[in-house]
Amino acid sequence: MIDTVQRYIDATIAVAIMATLGVISGFVAAALTGDRMLAFLAAGAAFALTGLVSMVRVWRMTRRPVLPPDPAA
């Protein structure tokens, strides 16, 4: 039960980080260009890229390294 709650908390934090970076990049794009569509695209791209990087990190952490073969005795 506690393990499941911890996973939901971790997922909520990850989505909050993704949303924060997306909003920041959207505001920066809007300030630099003044184009709303470009700001939405930048926010969506930052959200997706942050999610992709997070997924790759989790995937790399969960892979088990292959043990080297035992040396001949």
PDB file of N, CA and C in Angstrom:
ATOM      1  N   MET A   1       0.823  -1.196   0.000  1.00  0.00           N
ATOM      2  CA  MET A   1       0.000   0.000   0.000  1.00  0.00           C
ATOM      3  C   MET A   1       0.864   1.256   0.000  1.00  0.00           C
ATOM      4  N   ILE A   2       1.850   1.290   0.875  1.00  0.00           N
ATOM      5  CA  ILE A   2       2.730   2.455   0.958  1.00  0.00           C
ATOM      6  C   ILE A   2       3.529   2.605  -0.337  1.00  0.00           C
ATOM      7  N   ASP A   3       3.929   1.489  -0.932  1.00  0.00           N
ATOM      8  CA  ASP A   3       4.680   1.516  -2.184  1.00  0.00           C
ATOM      9  C   ASP A   3       3.857   2.144  -3.300  1.00  0.00           C
ATOM     10  N   THR A   4       2.577   1.820  -3.341  1.00  0.00           N
ATOM     11  CA  THR A   4       1.692   2.377  -4.361  1.00  0.00           C
ATOM     12  C   THR A   4       1.518   3.873  -4.161  1.00  0.00           C
ATOM     13  N   VAL A   5       1.342   4.297  -2.929  1.00  0.00           N
ATOM     14  CA  VAL A   5       1.192   5.721  -2.638  1.00  0.00           C
ATOM     15  C   VAL A   5       2.461   6.469  -3.026  1.00  0.00           C
ATOM     16  N   GLN A   6       3.609   5.891  -2.753  1.00  0.00           N
ATOM     17  CA  GLN A   6       4.883   6.526  -3.103  1.00  0.00           C
ATOM     18  C   GLN A   6       5.007   6.694  -4.611  1.00  0.00           C
ATOM     19  N   ARG A   7       4.556   5.715  -5.367  1.00  0.00           N
ATOM     20  CA  ARG A   7       4.606   5.821  -6.836  1.00  0.00           C
ATOM     21  C   ARG A   7       3.705   6.944  -7.342  1.00  0.00           C
ATOM     22  N   TYR A   8       2.524   7.090  -6.751  1.00  0.00           N
ATOM     23  CA  TYR A   8       1.632   8.178  -7.143  1.00  0.00           C
ATOM     24  C   TYR A   8       2.228   9.538  -6.783  1.00  0.00           C
ATOM     25  N   ILE A   9       2.872   9.629  -5.648  1.00  0.00           N
ATOM     26  CA  ILE A   9       3.516  10.885  -5.249  1.00  0.00           C
ATOM     27  C   ILE A   9       4.650  11.212  -6.213  1.00  0.00           C
ATOM     28  N   ASP A  10       5.469  10.218  -6.558  1.00  0.00           N
ATOM     29  CA  ASP A  10       6.560  10.435  -7.506  1.00  0.00           C
ATOM     30  C   ASP A  10       6.036  10.862  -8.870  1.00  0.00           C
ATOM     31  N   ALA A  11       4.961  10.236  -9.321  1.00  0.00           N
ATOM     32  CA  ALA A  11       4.369  10.598 -10.616  1.00  0.00           C
ATOM     33  C   ALA A  11       3.808  12.007 -10.590  1.00  0.00           C
ATOM     34  N   THR A  12       3.188  12.396  -9.485  1.00  0.00           N
ATOM     35  CA  THR A  12       2.650  13.746  -9.357  1.00  0.00           C
ATOM     36  C   THR A  12       3.765  14.778  -9.390  1.00  0.00           C
ATOM     37  N   ILE A  13       4.852  14.493  -8.719  1.00  0.00           N
ATOM     38  CA  ILE A  13       5.999  15.406  -8.723  1.00  0.00           C
ATOM     39  C   ILE A  13       6.586  15.508 -10.128  1.00  0.00           C
ATOM     40  N   ALA A  14       6.686  14.383 -10.827  1.00  0.00           N
ATOM     41  CA  ALA A  14       7.233  14.394 -12.186  1.00  0.00           C
ATOM     42  C   ALA A  14       6.357  15.226 -13.118  1.00  0.00           C
ATOM     43  N   VAL A  15       5.051  15.057 -13.037  1.00  0.00           N
ATOM     44  CA  VAL A  15       4.151  15.836 -13.895  1.00  0.00           C
ATOM     45  C   VAL A  15       4.214  17.317 -13.522  1.00  0.00           C
ATOM     46  N   ALA A  16       4.354  17.630 -12.246  1.00  0.00           N
ATOM     47  CA  ALA A  16       4.473  19.025 -11.837  1.00  0.00           C
ATOM     48  C   ALA A  16       5.752  19.658 -12.391  1.00  0.00           C
ATOM     49  N   ILE A  17       6.838  18.911 -12.386  1.00  0.00           N
ATOM     50  CA  ILE A  17       8.090  19.413 -12.966  1.00  0.00           C
ATOM     51  C   ILE A  17       7.929  19.616 -14.460  1.00  0.00           C
ATOM     52  N   MET A  18       7.301  18.647 -15.132  1.00  0.00           N
ATOM     53  CA  MET A  18       7.079  18.768 -16.573  1.00  0.00           C
ATOM     54  C   MET A  18       6.224  19.990 -16.890  1.00  0.00           C
ATOM     55  N   ALA A  19       5.157  20.196 -16.127  1.00  0.00           N
ATOM     56  CA  ALA A  19       4.276  21.335 -16.369  1.00  0.00           C
ATOM     57  C   ALA A  19       4.984  22.655 -16.100  1.00  0.00           C
ATOM     58  N   THR A  20       5.790  22.698 -15.043  1.00  0.00           N
ATOM     59  CA  THR A  20       6.518  23.920 -14.713  1.00  0.00           C
ATOM     60  C   THR A  20       7.477  24.305 -15.831  1.00  0.00           C
ATOM     61  N   LEU A  21       8.236  23.340 -16.316  1.00  0.00           N
ATOM     62  CA  LEU A  21       9.163  23.636 -17.406  1.00  0.00           C
ATOM     63  C   LEU A  21       8.419  24.017 -18.682  1.00  0.00           C
ATOM     64  N   GLY A  22       7.273  23.393 -18.923  1.00  0.00           N
ATOM     65  CA  GLY A  22       6.475  23.751 -20.090  1.00  0.00           C
ATOM     66  C   GLY A  22       5.948  25.172 -20.006  1.00  0.00           C
ATOM     67  N   VAL A  23       5.442  25.560 -18.843  1.00  0.00           N
ATOM     68  CA  VAL A  23       4.912  26.916 -18.675  1.00  0.00           C
ATOM     69  C   VAL A  23       6.019  27.951 -18.799  1.00  0.00           C
ATOM     70  N   ILE A  24       7.168  27.669 -18.196  1.00  0.00           N
ATOM     71  CA  ILE A  24       8.292  28.613 -18.279  1.00  0.00           C
ATOM     72  C   ILE A  24       8.723  28.786 -19.722  1.00  0.00           C
ATOM     73  N   SER A  25       8.857  27.691 -20.450  1.00  0.00           N
ATOM     74  CA  SER A  25       9.285  27.814 -21.847  1.00  0.00           C
ATOM     75  C   SER A  25       8.219  28.505 -22.694  1.00  0.00           C
ATOM     76  N   GLY A  26       6.945  28.283 -22.378  1.00  0.00           N
ATOM     77  CA  GLY A  26       5.887  28.979 -23.101  1.00  0.00           C
ATOM     78  C   GLY A  26       5.934  30.480 -22.878  1.00  0.00           C
ATOM     79  N   PHE A  27       6.150  30.891 -21.625  1.00  0.00           N
ATOM     80  CA  PHE A  27       6.255  32.320 -21.340  1.00  0.00           C
ATOM     81  C   PHE A  27       7.477  32.940 -22.007  1.00  0.00           C
ATOM     82  N   VAL A  28       8.581  32.227 -22.005  1.00  0.00           N
ATOM     83  CA  VAL A  28       9.790  32.748 -22.650  1.00  0.00           C
ATOM     84  C   VAL A  28       9.566  32.883 -24.153  1.00  0.00           C
ATOM     85  N   ALA A  29       8.959  31.877 -24.759  1.00  0.00           N
ATOM     86  CA  ALA A  29       8.692  31.949 -26.199  1.00  0.00           C
ATOM     87  C   ALA A  29       7.717  33.080 -26.517  1.00  0.00           C
ATOM     88  N   ALA A  30       6.714  33.271 -25.669  1.00  0.00           N
ATOM     89  CA  ALA A  30       5.760  34.361 -25.893  1.00  0.00           C
ATOM     90  C   ALA A  30       6.434  35.723 -25.741  1.00  0.00           C
ATOM     91  N   ALA A  31       7.336  35.841 -24.775  1.00  0.00           N
ATOM     92  CA  ALA A  31       8.027  37.120 -24.568  1.00  0.00           C
ATOM     93  C   ALA A  31       8.979  37.428 -25.716  1.00  0.00           C
ATOM     94  N   LEU A  32       9.624  36.393 -26.237  1.00  0.00           N
ATOM     95  CA  LEU A  32      10.600  36.624 -27.304  1.00  0.00           C
ATOM     96  C   LEU A  32       9.946  36.857 -28.660  1.00  0.00           C
ATOM     97  N   THR A  33       8.863  36.138 -28.946  1.00  0.00           N
ATOM     98  CA  THR A  33       8.277  36.212 -30.280  1.00  0.00           C
ATOM     99  C   THR A  33       6.955  36.963 -30.317  1.00  0.00           C
ATOM    100  N   GLY A  34       6.177  36.931 -29.245  1.00  0.00           N
ATOM    101  CA  GLY A  34       4.870  37.553 -29.246  1.00  0.00           C
ATOM    102  C   GLY A  34       3.817  36.723 -29.961  1.00  0.00           C
ATOM    103  N   ASP A  35       4.158  35.520 -30.360  1.00  0.00           N
ATOM    104  CA  ASP A  35       3.238  34.644 -31.090  1.00  0.00           C
ATOM    105  C   ASP A  35       2.645  33.623 -30.125  1.00  0.00           C
ATOM    106  N   ARG A  36       1.319  33.581 -30.033  1.00  0.00           N
ATOM    107  CA  ARG A  36       0.673  32.652 -29.102  1.00  0.00           C
ATOM    108  C   ARG A  36       0.851  31.204 -29.524  1.00  0.00           C
ATOM    109  N   MET A  37       0.704  30.932 -30.805  1.00  0.00           N
ATOM    110  CA  MET A  37       0.807  29.551 -31.267  1.00  0.00           C
ATOM    111  C   MET A  37       2.211  29.005 -31.012  1.00  0.00           C
ATOM    112  N   LEU A  38       3.213  29.809 -31.251  1.00  0.00           N
ATOM    113  CA  LEU A  38       4.590  29.380 -30.994  1.00  0.00           C
ATOM    114  C   LEU A  38       4.814  29.143 -29.504  1.00  0.00           C
ATOM    115  N   ALA A  39       4.191  29.955 -28.670  1.00  0.00           N
ATOM    116  CA  ALA A  39       4.318  29.768 -27.223  1.00  0.00           C
ATOM    117  C   ALA A  39       3.684  28.448 -26.796  1.00  0.00           C
ATOM    118  N   PHE A  40       2.505  28.125 -27.347  1.00  0.00           N
ATOM    119  CA  PHE A  40       1.866  26.849 -27.025  1.00  0.00           C
ATOM    120  C   PHE A  40       2.699  25.672 -27.525  1.00  0.00           C
ATOM    121  N   LEU A  41       3.258  25.806 -28.712  1.00  0.00           N
ATOM    122  CA  LEU A  41       4.101  24.731 -29.244  1.00  0.00           C
ATOM    123  C   LEU A  41       5.362  24.539 -28.395  1.00  0.00           C
ATOM    124  N   ALA A  42       5.965  25.635 -27.962  1.00  0.00           N
ATOM    125  CA  ALA A  42       7.165  25.546 -27.124  1.00  0.00           C
ATOM    126  C   ALA A  42       6.828  24.909 -25.783  1.00  0.00           C
ATOM    127  N   ALA A  43       5.679  25.265 -25.212  1.00  0.00           N
ATOM    128  CA  ALA A  43       5.271  24.678 -23.932  1.00  0.00           C
ATOM    129  C   ALA A  43       5.012  23.184 -24.094  1.00  0.00           C
ATOM    130  N   GLY A  44       4.329  22.802 -25.158  1.00  0.00           N
ATOM    131  CA  GLY A  44       4.063  21.383 -25.399  1.00  0.00           C
ATOM    132  C   GLY A  44       5.331  20.587 -25.658  1.00  0.00           C
ATOM    133  N   ALA A  45       6.244  21.186 -26.423  1.00  0.00           N
ATOM    134  CA  ALA A  45       7.504  20.507 -26.710  1.00  0.00           C
ATOM    135  C   ALA A  45       8.343  20.337 -25.443  1.00  0.00           C
ATOM    136  N   ALA A  46       8.391  21.365 -24.607  1.00  0.00           N
ATOM    137  CA  ALA A  46       9.147  21.252 -23.353  1.00  0.00           C
ATOM    138  C   ALA A  46       8.518  20.211 -22.437  1.00  0.00           C
ATOM    139  N   PHE A  47       7.187  20.177 -22.375  1.00  0.00           N
ATOM    140  CA  PHE A  47       6.487  19.179 -21.564  1.00  0.00           C
ATOM    141  C   PHE A  47       6.825  17.774 -22.053  1.00  0.00           C
ATOM    142  N   ALA A  48       6.744  17.555 -23.362  1.00  0.00           N
ATOM    143  CA  ALA A  48       7.012  16.228 -23.928  1.00  0.00           C
ATOM    144  C   ALA A  48       8.476  15.827 -23.769  1.00  0.00           C
ATOM    145  N   LEU A  49       9.389  16.748 -24.005  1.00  0.00           N
ATOM    146  CA  LEU A  49      10.811  16.418 -23.878  1.00  0.00           C
ATOM    147  C   LEU A  49      11.195  16.122 -22.435  1.00  0.00           C
ATOM    148  N   THR A  50      10.629  16.856 -21.496  1.00  0.00           N
ATOM    149  CA  THR A  50      10.902  16.572 -20.086  1.00  0.00           C
ATOM    150  C   THR A  50      10.383  15.191 -19.711  1.00  0.00           C
ATOM    151  N   GLY A  51       9.203  14.850 -20.203  1.00  0.00           N
ATOM    152  CA  GLY A  51       8.662  13.509 -19.962  1.00  0.00           C
ATOM    153  C   GLY A  51       9.524  12.428 -20.580  1.00  0.00           C
ATOM    154  N   LEU A  52      10.012  12.685 -21.786  1.00  0.00           N
ATOM    155  CA  LEU A  52      10.874  11.711 -22.457  1.00  0.00           C
ATOM    156  C   LEU A  52      12.173  11.492 -21.690  1.00  0.00           C
ATOM    157  N   VAL A  53      12.783  12.569 -21.245  1.00  0.00           N
ATOM    158  CA  VAL A  53      14.032  12.456 -20.479  1.00  0.00           C
ATOM    159  C   VAL A  53      13.781  11.715 -19.166  1.00  0.00           C
ATOM    160  N   SER A  54      12.676  12.013 -18.518  1.00  0.00           N
ATOM    161  CA  SER A  54      12.354  11.321 -17.265  1.00  0.00           C
ATOM    162  C   SER A  54      12.133   9.833 -17.497  1.00  0.00           C
ATOM    163  N   MET A  55      11.434   9.496 -18.574  1.00  0.00           N
ATOM    164  CA  MET A  55      11.189   8.085 -18.871  1.00  0.00           C
ATOM    165  C   MET A  55      12.486   7.341 -19.171  1.00  0.00           C
ATOM    166  N   VAL A  56      13.384   7.972 -19.902  1.00  0.00           N
ATOM    167  CA  VAL A  56      14.671   7.337 -20.209  1.00  0.00           C
ATOM    168  C   VAL A  56      15.471   7.129 -18.927  1.00  0.00           C
ATOM    169  N   ARG A  57      15.449   8.118 -18.035  1.00  0.00           N
ATOM    170  CA  ARG A  57      16.173   7.968 -16.769  1.00  0.00           C
ATOM    171  C   ARG A  57      15.616   6.829 -15.939  1.00  0.00           C
ATOM    172  N   VAL A  58      14.291   6.733 -15.857  1.00  0.00           N
ATOM    173  CA  VAL A  58      13.672   5.643 -15.096  1.00  0.00           C
ATOM    174  C   VAL A  58      13.988   4.306 -15.745  1.00  0.00           C
ATOM    175  N   TRP A  59      13.925   4.246 -17.062  1.00  0.00           N
ATOM    176  CA  TRP A  59      14.230   3.003 -17.775  1.00  0.00           C
ATOM    177  C   TRP A  59      15.674   2.575 -17.519  1.00  0.00           C
ATOM    178  N   ARG A  60      16.605   3.530 -17.533  1.00  0.00           N
ATOM    179  CA  ARG A  60      18.016   3.193 -17.294  1.00  0.00           C
ATOM    180  C   ARG A  60      18.246   2.746 -15.851  1.00  0.00           C
ATOM    181  N   MET A  61      17.514   3.335 -14.902  1.00  0.00           N
ATOM    182  CA  MET A  61      17.697   2.962 -13.500  1.00  0.00           C
ATOM    183  C   MET A  61      17.147   1.572 -13.205  1.00  0.00           C
ATOM    184  N   THR A  62      16.117   1.159 -13.933  1.00  0.00           N
ATOM    185  CA  THR A  62      15.494  -0.128 -13.637  1.00  0.00           C
ATOM    186  C   THR A  62      16.152  -1.291 -14.350  1.00  0.00           C
ATOM    187  N   ARG A  63      17.042  -1.038 -15.282  1.00  0.00           N
ATOM    188  CA  ARG A  63      17.727  -2.132 -15.972  1.00  0.00           C
ATOM    189  C   ARG A  63      18.753  -2.748 -15.035  1.00  0.00           C
ATOM    190  N   ARG A  64      18.785  -4.039 -14.998  1.00  0.00           N
ATOM    191  CA  ARG A  64      19.751  -4.743 -14.156  1.00  0.00           C
ATOM    192  C   ARG A  64      21.020  -4.998 -14.976  1.00  0.00           C
ATOM    193  N   PRO A  65      22.168  -4.682 -14.416  1.00  0.00           N
ATOM    194  CA  PRO A  65      23.404  -4.964 -15.146  1.00  0.00           C
ATOM    195  C   PRO A  65      23.641  -6.477 -15.214  1.00  0.00           C
ATOM    196  N   VAL A  66      24.242  -6.879 -16.298  1.00  0.00           N
ATOM    197  CA  VAL A  66      24.564  -8.295 -16.469  1.00  0.00           C
ATOM    198  C   VAL A  66      25.804  -8.594 -15.649  1.00  0.00           C
ATOM    199  N   LEU A  67      25.725  -9.637 -14.837  1.00  0.00           N
ATOM    200  CA  LEU A  67      26.881 -10.013 -14.016  1.00  0.00           C
ATOM    201  C   LEU A  67      27.954 -10.632 -14.890  1.00  0.00           C
ATOM    202  N   PRO A  68      29.221 -10.345 -14.597  1.00  0.00           N
ATOM    203  CA  PRO A  68      30.287 -10.957 -15.382  1.00  0.00           C
ATOM    204  C   PRO A  68      30.334 -12.469 -15.085  1.00  0.00           C
ATOM    205  N   PRO A  69      30.789 -13.246 -16.044  1.00  0.00           N
ATOM    206  CA  PRO A  69      30.866 -14.697 -15.806  1.00  0.00           C
ATOM    207  C   PRO A  69      31.883 -14.993 -14.693  1.00  0.00           C
ATOM    208  N   ASP A  70      31.613 -16.088 -13.961  1.00  0.00           N
ATOM    209  CA  ASP A  70      32.538 -16.486 -12.892  1.00  0.00           C
ATOM    210  C   ASP A  70      33.877 -16.917 -13.501  1.00  0.00           C
ATOM    211  N   PRO A  71      34.960 -16.496 -12.888  1.00  0.00           N
ATOM    212  CA  PRO A  71      36.263 -16.923 -13.408  1.00  0.00           C
ATOM    213  C   PRO A  71      36.457 -18.436 -13.180  1.00  0.00           C
ATOM    214  N   ALA A  72      37.177 -19.046 -14.092  1.00  0.00           N
ATOM    215  CA  ALA A  72      37.449 -20.494 -13.944  1.00  0.00           C
ATOM    216  C   ALA A  72      38.306 -20.729 -12.711  1.00  0.00           C
ATOM    217  N   ALA A  73      37.950 -21.735 -11.971  1.00  0.00           N
ATOM    218  CA  ALA A  73      38.671 -22.024 -10.732  1.00  0.00           C
ATOM    219  C   ALA A  73      39.910 -22.824 -10.994  1.00  0.00           C
TER     220      ALA A  73
END
